Amino acid sequence: MPVPRLPLPLVLAVLVALPGTYLGAATYLGLPHAELPPPLAAAVYGLAIVAAAFLLSWAAEAAQVDVSAGFALAVLALLAVLPEYAVDFVFSLQAGQMFGATGACGPEGMDADPCGLALANMTGANRVLVGIGWPIVVLVAAIAATRARRAGGTAPSAGRVTVPRTMSVEIVYLGIATLYSLHLPLRTSLTLLDALVLVSIFVVYAVRLARAPTEEPELAGTSAWVGGLADGRRRSTYIGIFVVAALVILASAEHFADGLVQTGAEFGVDQFLLVQWVAPLASEAPELIVACLYAWRLKARDSLGTLLSSKVNQWTLLVGTIPIVFAIASGSVHGLPLDVQQRFELLLTAAQSLFAVSLLITLSLTAWGAMALFVLFAIQFVASLTLPTEVDRAVVIGLSALYVLLAIGMFVRRRHDLVRTTRDGFVTPFDDMGEPERVAPSR
């Protein structure tokens, strides 16, 4: 039986990952390798992580042939952000080791404080995903819909992106995790109890999704090539891709994180901001690209659904595992210390998450909602880069209050949708959720 020809994107992803993978593995194994300057090292290892994320996305999409669609979407979202986990775990391990040796992570404001860097990467990734990723999906979907209509075809409304009723599960469990997270800014540490609660939310969410019926996925490109293989070859291929991507991440993540920190020190860039924005953009880029491709093919509901699932696992499993990694590395049960800056970051991220949930209560994200997410994100992003710390914190407080007030207003205004979506997310059988999506009238 002839071996199918490998898709060019798959070959390119492996080639792009090779330099960072070899350098990282050579460092660990003591093999000959070049010593790269920090900026170049960050770029090489960052490209390897980006390539690994593409590999994970293709393999996870192909795996939808063998598991239920809802569960596969959650697995896809989880695997697509594994690079994010890897970078966070590196900083969490460093924080735990420092805490175990000294009893502290470092003084507040210390540029290379790994406790702050772990949370900076996590909060930055969450805010980038919602503040940039979700609006981009709506924008690309609107352009694609307009283009299709001009070509004489049919397309969904250009003013909103709807998700299937089954996505009520994601919305509800994201809401639960968000409500819990709202009290974290009042705390001085992220503890193992928080880990237990957040990981439990993710487990219950995954179990709920696992009950969804299996559906025939619509695959394209490399994932379609993998999904079209014979059963045994298909499974061995995507499992092999998973293993390769995991090895790339293991070899590259720590060096990518170190490269970012050293680059900040070399050029006088605030390392907290560098880790908060540059690292998430690198690790989230493949997922955002895949989401845009879905939207361009008039499959915006799948696009937004994938990003929504990613937000759920980042705000439950990722946040929940950080204190576990910290505890293991520190050899204690002490929680990850939170200084003032980190509590402000958690406050803003939780508030943005609450507003995002309120926008999706009607199972749709309108152009106005997407614009609000982007504009509010852009305000804080620019403020974090340009304003003094004290002024930036005032901006964070103001934006957080605005997010919460807007969310409360949406919940009150859409209270009937809130009740229905909550019921669907918790108890409605998946077989009863095949009816058309509920969409509130435009305003």
Protein backbone atom coordinates (compact mmCIF):
# COMPACT_ATOMS: atom_id res chain seq x y z
CA MET A 1 0.00 0.00 0.00
CA PRO A 2 1.64 3.32 -1.06
CA VAL A 3 2.46 5.84 1.65
CA PRO A 4 0.42 9.05 1.20
CA ARG A 5 2.48 12.10 0.31
CA LEU A 6 3.13 14.36 3.30
CA PRO A 7 1.39 17.76 3.18
CA LEU A 8 3.77 20.68 2.69
CA PRO A 9 2.57 22.57 5.83
CA LEU A 10 3.33 19.52 7.97
CA VAL A 11 6.85 19.27 6.53
CA LEU A 12 7.44 23.01 6.98
CA ALA A 13 6.26 22.93 10.61
CA VAL A 14 8.70 20.12 11.41
CA LEU A 15 11.55 21.94 9.67
CA VAL A 16 10.80 25.19 11.52
CA ALA A 17 10.79 23.31 14.83
CA LEU A 18 14.09 21.51 14.23
CA PRO A 19 16.61 24.29 15.12
CA GLY A 20 15.04 25.14 18.47
CA THR A 21 14.44 21.47 19.29
CA TYR A 22 18.05 20.48 18.57
CA LEU A 23 19.52 23.43 20.47
CA GLY A 24 17.27 22.79 23.45
CA ALA A 25 17.93 19.06 23.52
CA ALA A 26 21.67 19.61 23.00
CA THR A 27 21.75 21.94 26.01
CA TYR A 28 20.10 19.32 28.23
CA LEU A 29 22.19 16.41 26.89
CA GLY A 30 25.53 18.21 26.72
CA LEU A 31 25.85 17.89 22.94
CA PRO A 32 27.75 20.41 20.78
CA HIS A 33 25.64 23.46 20.00
CA ALA A 34 25.92 27.16 19.27
CA GLU A 35 25.40 29.74 22.02
CA LEU A 36 22.88 32.24 20.66
CA PRO A 37 22.44 35.82 21.90
CA PRO A 38 19.22 36.16 23.96
CA PRO A 39 17.08 37.92 21.30
CA LEU A 40 17.98 35.34 18.65
CA ALA A 41 17.52 32.47 21.11
CA ALA A 42 14.04 33.75 22.04
CA ALA A 43 13.16 33.94 18.34
CA VAL A 44 14.46 30.45 17.50
CA TYR A 45 12.80 28.77 20.47
CA GLY A 46 9.63 30.83 19.99
CA LEU A 47 9.36 29.66 16.36
CA ALA A 48 9.75 26.06 17.52
CA ILE A 49 6.89 26.53 19.97
CA VAL A 50 4.72 28.11 17.27
CA ALA A 51 5.43 25.15 14.95
CA ALA A 52 4.58 22.71 17.76
CA ALA A 53 1.29 24.46 18.35
CA PHE A 54 0.38 24.03 14.68
CA LEU A 55 1.24 20.33 14.91
CA LEU A 56 -0.94 19.96 17.99
CA SER A 57 -3.85 21.72 16.31
CA TRP A 58 -3.73 19.50 13.22
CA ALA A 59 -3.47 16.31 15.24
CA ALA A 60 -6.26 17.29 17.63
CA GLU A 61 -8.58 18.23 14.76
CA ALA A 62 -7.93 14.88 13.09
CA ALA A 63 -8.68 13.09 16.36
CA GLN A 64 -12.26 14.39 16.12
CA VAL A 65 -12.89 11.49 13.75
CA ASP A 66 -12.60 9.09 16.71
CA VAL A 67 -14.19 10.99 19.63
CA SER A 68 -17.28 13.11 20.27
CA ALA A 69 -17.21 16.56 18.67
CA GLY A 70 -17.68 18.52 21.90
CA PHE A 71 -15.03 16.57 23.75
CA ALA A 72 -12.69 16.81 20.75
CA LEU A 73 -13.16 20.58 20.70
CA ALA A 74 -12.16 20.78 24.36
CA VAL A 75 -9.15 18.54 23.73
CA LEU A 76 -8.21 20.63 20.69
CA ALA A 77 -8.41 23.80 22.74
CA LEU A 78 -6.34 22.22 25.52
CA LEU A 79 -3.63 20.94 23.21
CA ALA A 80 -3.51 24.14 21.19
CA VAL A 81 -2.45 26.07 24.29
CA LEU A 82 0.04 23.51 25.60
CA PRO A 83 2.86 25.91 24.70
CA GLU A 84 1.22 28.41 27.05
CA TYR A 85 1.22 25.79 29.80
CA ALA A 86 4.86 24.96 29.12
CA VAL A 87 6.03 28.57 29.48
CA ASP A 88 3.94 29.09 32.62
CA PHE A 89 5.23 25.87 34.14
CA VAL A 90 8.83 26.97 33.56
CA PHE A 91 8.27 30.18 35.51
CA SER A 92 6.25 28.32 38.18
CA LEU A 93 9.08 25.81 38.63
CA GLN A 94 11.63 28.62 38.92
CA ALA A 95 9.39 30.40 41.42
CA GLY A 96 8.99 27.24 43.50
CA GLN A 97 12.72 26.54 43.50
CA MET A 98 13.50 30.11 44.59
CA PHE A 99 10.83 29.97 47.29
CA GLY A 100 12.10 26.60 48.52
CA ALA A 101 15.65 27.96 48.78
CA THR A 102 14.97 31.44 50.19
CA GLY A 103 11.41 31.42 51.54
CA ALA A 104 10.40 34.13 49.06
CA CYS A 105 10.10 34.67 45.32
CA GLY A 106 11.85 38.02 45.35
CA PRO A 107 11.09 41.58 46.38
CA GLU A 108 8.06 43.30 44.89
CA GLY A 109 8.96 45.01 41.64
CA MET A 110 11.95 42.76 41.01
CA ASP A 111 12.23 42.48 37.21
CA ALA A 112 12.99 38.76 37.11
CA ASP A 113 10.68 37.66 39.93
CA PRO A 114 9.48 34.29 38.56
CA CYS A 115 6.26 34.40 40.65
CA GLY A 116 5.24 37.57 38.88
CA LEU A 117 6.39 36.26 35.50
CA ALA A 118 4.28 33.09 35.79
CA LEU A 119 1.14 35.10 36.45
CA ALA A 120 2.07 37.76 33.91
CA ASN A 121 2.19 35.13 31.18
CA MET A 122 -1.10 33.56 32.28
CA THR A 123 -3.08 36.79 32.64
CA GLY A 124 -1.63 38.20 29.43
CA ALA A 125 -2.58 35.06 27.49
CA ASN A 126 -6.15 35.16 28.81
CA ARG A 127 -6.62 38.82 27.95
CA VAL A 128 -5.04 38.47 24.49
CA LEU A 129 -7.31 35.53 23.71
CA VAL A 130 -10.49 37.46 24.56
CA GLY A 131 -9.46 41.01 23.73
CA ILE A 132 -7.83 40.25 20.38
CA GLY A 133 -8.82 36.69 19.40
CA TRP A 134 -12.59 36.97 19.75
CA PRO A 135 -12.87 40.34 17.94
CA ILE A 136 -10.63 39.10 15.10
CA VAL A 137 -12.98 36.16 14.54
CA VAL A 138 -15.96 38.51 14.22
CA LEU A 139 -14.05 40.81 11.87
CA VAL A 140 -12.82 38.01 9.59
CA ALA A 141 -16.27 36.40 9.59
CA ALA A 142 -17.86 39.71 8.58
CA ILE A 143 -15.39 40.18 5.72
CA ALA A 144 -15.89 36.59 4.54
CA ALA A 145 -19.70 36.90 4.69
CA THR A 146 -19.66 40.17 2.72
CA ARG A 147 -17.34 38.65 0.15
CA ALA A 148 -19.58 35.59 -0.24
CA ARG A 149 -22.69 37.72 -0.74
CA ARG A 150 -20.98 39.86 -3.37
CA ALA A 151 -20.05 36.66 -5.19
CA GLY A 152 -23.72 35.69 -5.27
CA GLY A 153 -23.54 33.04 -2.55
CA THR A 154 -25.27 32.68 0.80
CA ALA A 155 -23.62 33.59 4.07
CA PRO A 156 -24.61 34.16 7.71
CA SER A 157 -25.16 37.62 9.11
CA ALA A 158 -22.06 39.81 8.91
CA GLY A 159 -22.93 41.56 12.17
CA ARG A 160 -22.56 38.66 14.58
CA VAL A 161 -21.07 35.22 15.10
CA THR A 162 -23.33 32.60 16.64
CA VAL A 163 -22.34 29.41 18.41
CA PRO A 164 -24.39 26.21 18.62
CA ARG A 165 -26.64 25.68 21.60
CA THR A 166 -24.32 22.92 22.83
CA MET A 167 -21.70 25.61 23.51
CA SER A 168 -23.86 26.61 26.50
CA VAL A 169 -21.68 24.12 28.39
CA GLU A 170 -18.53 26.16 27.73
CA ILE A 171 -20.26 29.44 28.59
CA VAL A 172 -21.64 28.14 31.88
CA TYR A 173 -18.41 26.56 33.12
CA LEU A 174 -16.41 29.61 32.10
CA GLY A 175 -18.92 31.63 34.12
CA ILE A 176 -18.44 29.40 37.17
CA ALA A 177 -14.66 29.67 37.01
CA THR A 178 -14.91 33.43 36.52
CA LEU A 179 -17.17 33.92 39.53
CA TYR A 180 -14.68 31.97 41.63
CA SER A 181 -11.75 33.96 40.27
CA LEU A 182 -13.26 37.30 41.25
CA HIS A 183 -12.10 36.83 44.85
CA LEU A 184 -8.49 35.92 43.95
CA PRO A 185 -7.31 39.58 43.81
CA LEU A 186 -8.19 39.84 47.50
CA ARG A 187 -5.77 37.05 48.38
CA THR A 188 -2.03 37.03 49.07
CA SER A 189 -1.37 33.64 47.46
CA LEU A 190 -2.74 31.20 44.91
CA THR A 191 -3.15 28.00 46.92
CA LEU A 192 -3.65 24.28 46.46
CA LEU A 193 -7.29 24.79 47.48
CA ASP A 194 -7.70 27.11 44.49
CA ALA A 195 -6.06 24.41 42.37
CA LEU A 196 -8.52 21.82 43.64
CA VAL A 197 -11.53 24.02 42.88
CA LEU A 198 -10.42 25.13 39.41
CA VAL A 199 -9.17 21.72 38.25
CA SER A 200 -12.42 20.17 39.53
CA ILE A 201 -14.41 22.65 37.44
CA PHE A 202 -12.43 21.60 34.38
CA VAL A 203 -12.90 17.88 35.11
CA VAL A 204 -16.67 18.25 35.53
CA TYR A 205 -16.77 20.31 32.33
CA ALA A 206 -14.83 17.64 30.41
CA VAL A 207 -17.06 14.86 31.74
CA ARG A 208 -20.14 16.81 30.64
CA LEU A 209 -18.68 17.23 27.14
CA ALA A 210 -17.70 13.56 26.91
CA ARG A 211 -21.41 12.69 26.91
CA ALA A 212 -21.94 14.54 23.64
CA PRO A 213 -22.70 12.36 20.58
CA THR A 214 -20.03 11.74 17.99
CA GLU A 215 -20.35 13.82 14.82
CA GLU A 216 -18.56 13.76 11.49
CA PRO A 217 -16.01 16.61 11.63
CA GLU A 218 -15.38 19.00 8.76
CA LEU A 219 -11.63 18.90 8.30
CA ALA A 220 -9.46 20.85 5.89
CA GLY A 221 -5.81 21.01 4.89
CA THR A 222 -3.33 19.00 6.94
CA SER A 223 -5.91 17.81 9.47
CA ALA A 224 -8.07 16.51 6.60
CA TRP A 225 -5.05 14.59 5.25
CA VAL A 226 -4.49 12.95 8.65
CA GLY A 227 -8.21 12.33 9.21
CA GLY A 228 -8.55 10.70 5.79
CA LEU A 229 -6.04 7.95 6.50
CA ALA A 230 -7.12 4.40 7.29
CA ASP A 231 -8.12 3.85 10.92
CA GLY A 232 -4.88 2.36 12.24
CA ARG A 233 -2.62 4.67 10.25
CA ARG A 234 -4.71 7.72 11.20
CA ARG A 235 -4.49 7.02 14.92
CA SER A 236 -0.77 6.24 14.82
CA THR A 237 -0.16 9.38 12.75
CA TYR A 238 -1.90 11.87 15.04
CA ILE A 239 -0.50 10.17 18.14
CA GLY A 240 2.95 10.44 16.58
CA ILE A 241 2.38 14.13 15.83
CA PHE A 242 1.29 14.66 19.45
CA VAL A 243 4.52 13.04 20.68
CA VAL A 244 6.72 15.07 18.33
CA ALA A 245 5.02 18.33 19.32
CA ALA A 246 5.36 17.49 23.02
CA LEU A 247 9.09 16.81 22.59
CA VAL A 248 9.52 20.12 20.75
CA ILE A 249 7.80 21.98 23.58
CA LEU A 250 9.79 20.19 26.28
CA ALA A 251 13.05 21.02 24.50
CA SER A 252 12.17 24.67 23.79
CA ALA A 253 9.89 26.11 26.49
CA GLU A 254 12.44 26.79 29.23
CA HIS A 255 14.95 28.30 26.80
CA PHE A 256 12.25 30.49 25.23
CA ALA A 257 11.27 31.81 28.67
CA ASP A 258 14.91 32.42 29.63
CA GLY A 259 15.55 34.13 26.29
CA LEU A 260 12.69 36.54 26.87
CA VAL A 261 13.88 37.41 30.37
CA GLN A 262 17.48 37.91 29.22
CA THR A 263 16.36 39.98 26.24
CA GLY A 264 14.47 42.27 28.58
CA ALA A 265 17.53 42.67 30.77
CA GLU A 266 19.81 43.30 27.78
CA PHE A 267 17.65 46.01 26.21
CA GLY A 268 16.22 47.53 29.38
CA VAL A 269 12.70 46.36 28.57
CA ASP A 270 10.38 45.66 31.49
CA GLN A 271 10.53 41.87 31.72
CA PHE A 272 7.05 41.65 33.24
CA LEU A 273 5.56 43.34 30.17
CA LEU A 274 7.71 41.31 27.80
CA VAL A 275 6.53 38.02 29.29
CA GLN A 276 2.96 39.27 29.61
CA TRP A 277 2.52 40.26 25.96
CA VAL A 278 5.24 38.80 23.71
CA ALA A 279 5.18 35.23 25.03
CA PRO A 280 1.37 34.89 24.82
CA LEU A 281 1.34 36.32 21.30
CA ALA A 282 3.86 33.65 20.25
CA SER A 283 2.02 30.76 21.90
CA GLU A 284 -1.49 31.92 20.93
CA ALA A 285 -0.62 32.85 17.32
CA PRO A 286 -1.18 29.38 15.78
CA GLU A 287 -4.56 29.04 17.45
CA LEU A 288 -5.61 32.51 16.31
CA ILE A 289 -4.47 31.74 12.76
CA VAL A 290 -6.45 28.49 12.68
CA ALA A 291 -9.50 30.33 14.07
CA CYS A 292 -9.22 32.98 11.35
CA LEU A 293 -8.99 30.30 8.67
CA TYR A 294 -12.20 28.74 9.98
CA ALA A 295 -13.93 32.13 9.94
CA TRP A 296 -12.69 32.85 6.41
CA ARG A 297 -14.24 29.55 5.27
CA LEU A 298 -17.59 30.74 6.72
CA LYS A 299 -17.23 28.43 9.73
CA ALA A 300 -17.07 31.23 12.30
CA ARG A 301 -19.12 29.30 14.83
CA ASP A 302 -16.41 26.61 14.96
CA SER A 303 -13.77 29.34 15.10
CA LEU A 304 -15.30 31.14 18.07
CA GLY A 305 -16.16 27.81 19.67
CA THR A 306 -12.52 26.75 19.65
CA LEU A 307 -11.37 30.03 21.21
CA LEU A 308 -14.14 29.79 23.82
CA SER A 309 -13.00 26.28 24.77
CA SER A 310 -9.43 27.56 25.01
CA LYS A 311 -10.54 30.29 27.38
CA VAL A 312 -12.31 27.72 29.57
CA ASN A 313 -9.26 25.50 29.94
CA GLN A 314 -6.88 28.44 30.43
CA TRP A 315 -9.05 29.94 33.16
CA THR A 316 -9.55 26.60 34.94
CA LEU A 317 -6.83 24.03 34.27
CA LEU A 318 -3.96 26.45 33.56
CA VAL A 319 -4.63 28.68 36.57
CA GLY A 320 -5.30 25.62 38.72
CA THR A 321 -2.08 23.81 37.87
CA ILE A 322 0.23 26.79 38.51
CA PRO A 323 0.09 26.42 42.34
CA ILE A 324 0.52 22.64 41.99
CA VAL A 325 3.74 23.05 39.99
CA PHE A 326 4.90 25.72 42.45
CA ALA A 327 4.23 23.44 45.45
CA ILE A 328 6.12 20.52 43.88
CA ALA A 329 9.11 22.72 43.01
CA SER A 330 9.21 24.39 46.44
CA GLY A 331 8.77 21.15 48.37
CA SER A 332 5.99 22.73 50.41
CA VAL A 333 2.23 23.26 50.45
CA HIS A 334 2.61 27.03 50.46
CA GLY A 335 0.64 28.88 47.81
CA LEU A 336 2.19 30.93 45.01
CA PRO A 337 2.71 34.40 46.54
CA LEU A 338 0.74 37.27 44.99
CA ASP A 339 2.14 40.77 45.24
CA VAL A 340 0.16 43.95 44.57
CA GLN A 341 0.87 44.03 40.83
CA GLN A 342 -0.20 40.43 40.38
CA ARG A 343 -3.47 41.03 42.22
CA PHE A 344 -4.22 43.95 39.90
CA GLU A 345 -3.55 41.70 36.89
CA LEU A 346 -5.89 39.02 38.26
CA LEU A 347 -8.58 41.62 38.94
CA LEU A 348 -8.56 42.93 35.39
CA THR A 349 -8.44 39.45 33.84
CA ALA A 350 -11.35 38.19 35.95
CA ALA A 351 -13.42 41.30 35.20
CA GLN A 352 -12.79 40.98 31.45
CA SER A 353 -13.79 37.31 31.64
CA LEU A 354 -17.07 38.20 33.35
CA PHE A 355 -17.91 40.72 30.64
CA ALA A 356 -17.03 38.18 27.94
CA VAL A 357 -19.40 35.62 29.47
CA SER A 358 -22.20 38.20 29.61
CA LEU A 359 -21.79 38.91 25.89
CA LEU A 360 -22.24 35.23 25.02
CA ILE A 361 -25.35 34.59 27.09
CA THR A 362 -27.45 34.84 23.91
CA LEU A 363 -25.10 32.36 22.17
CA SER A 364 -23.78 35.06 19.87
CA LEU A 365 -21.06 37.69 19.78
CA THR A 366 -22.12 40.83 17.94
CA ALA A 367 -19.89 43.31 16.18
CA TRP A 368 -20.62 45.84 18.95
CA GLY A 369 -19.66 43.33 21.63
CA ALA A 370 -16.46 42.43 19.79
CA MET A 371 -15.60 46.12 19.40
CA ALA A 372 -16.14 46.71 23.10
CA LEU A 373 -13.81 43.81 23.98
CA PHE A 374 -11.10 45.12 21.67
CA VAL A 375 -11.32 48.79 22.64
CA LEU A 376 -11.25 48.08 26.39
CA PHE A 377 -8.34 45.67 25.90
CA ALA A 378 -6.46 48.22 23.78
CA ILE A 379 -6.88 50.94 26.42
CA GLN A 380 -5.25 48.84 29.12
CA PHE A 381 -2.58 47.48 26.78
CA VAL A 382 -1.46 50.98 25.81
CA ALA A 383 -1.68 52.14 29.42
CA SER A 384 0.54 49.27 30.61
CA LEU A 385 3.22 50.29 28.10
CA THR A 386 3.10 54.06 28.48
CA LEU A 387 1.86 55.09 31.92
CA PRO A 388 3.64 55.05 35.30
CA THR A 389 2.72 52.14 37.54
CA GLU A 390 0.47 54.15 39.86
CA VAL A 391 -1.51 55.65 36.98
CA ASP A 392 -1.74 52.30 35.20
CA ARG A 393 -3.18 50.72 38.34
CA ALA A 394 -5.82 53.44 38.47
CA VAL A 395 -6.70 52.57 34.86
CA VAL A 396 -6.91 48.89 35.80
CA ILE A 397 -9.33 49.66 38.64
CA GLY A 398 -11.48 51.84 36.40
CA LEU A 399 -11.59 49.31 33.56
CA SER A 400 -12.32 46.45 35.96
CA ALA A 401 -15.25 48.35 37.45
CA LEU A 402 -16.52 49.14 33.95
CA TYR A 403 -16.26 45.48 32.88
CA VAL A 404 -18.23 44.36 35.93
CA LEU A 405 -20.91 47.04 35.56
CA LEU A 406 -21.37 46.24 31.86
CA ALA A 407 -21.59 42.54 32.67
CA ILE A 408 -24.21 43.07 35.37
CA GLY A 409 -26.21 45.19 32.94
CA MET A 410 -26.06 42.47 30.30
CA PHE A 411 -27.07 39.76 32.77
CA VAL A 412 -30.06 41.77 33.95
CA ARG A 413 -31.08 42.72 30.43
CA ARG A 414 -30.73 39.15 29.14
CA ARG A 415 -31.89 37.42 32.30
CA HIS A 416 -34.22 35.04 30.45
CA ASP A 417 -31.36 33.97 28.17
CA LEU A 418 -29.18 33.63 31.26
CA VAL A 419 -31.62 31.15 32.80
CA ARG A 420 -31.95 29.11 29.59
CA THR A 421 -28.23 29.02 28.87
CA THR A 422 -27.46 28.01 32.47
CA ARG A 423 -30.02 25.19 32.31
CA ASP A 424 -28.66 24.00 28.98
CA GLY A 425 -25.09 24.11 30.21
CA PHE A 426 -25.81 22.04 33.30
CA VAL A 427 -28.54 19.52 32.57
CA THR A 428 -30.15 19.66 29.12
CA PRO A 429 -29.28 16.47 27.17
CA PHE A 430 -27.15 17.11 24.10
CA ASP A 431 -29.72 15.38 21.90
CA ASP A 432 -32.21 18.08 22.90
CA MET A 433 -29.86 20.92 21.97
CA GLY A 434 -29.88 20.45 18.23
CA GLU A 435 -32.38 23.19 17.55
CA PRO A 436 -31.32 26.53 16.00
CA GLU A 437 -29.34 28.89 18.18
CA ARG A 438 -31.10 31.56 20.19
CA VAL A 439 -30.10 34.96 18.92
CA ALA A 440 -31.25 38.15 20.55
CA PRO A 441 -32.46 40.93 18.26
CA SER A 442 -29.84 43.47 17.16
CA ARG A 443 -29.63 46.77 18.95
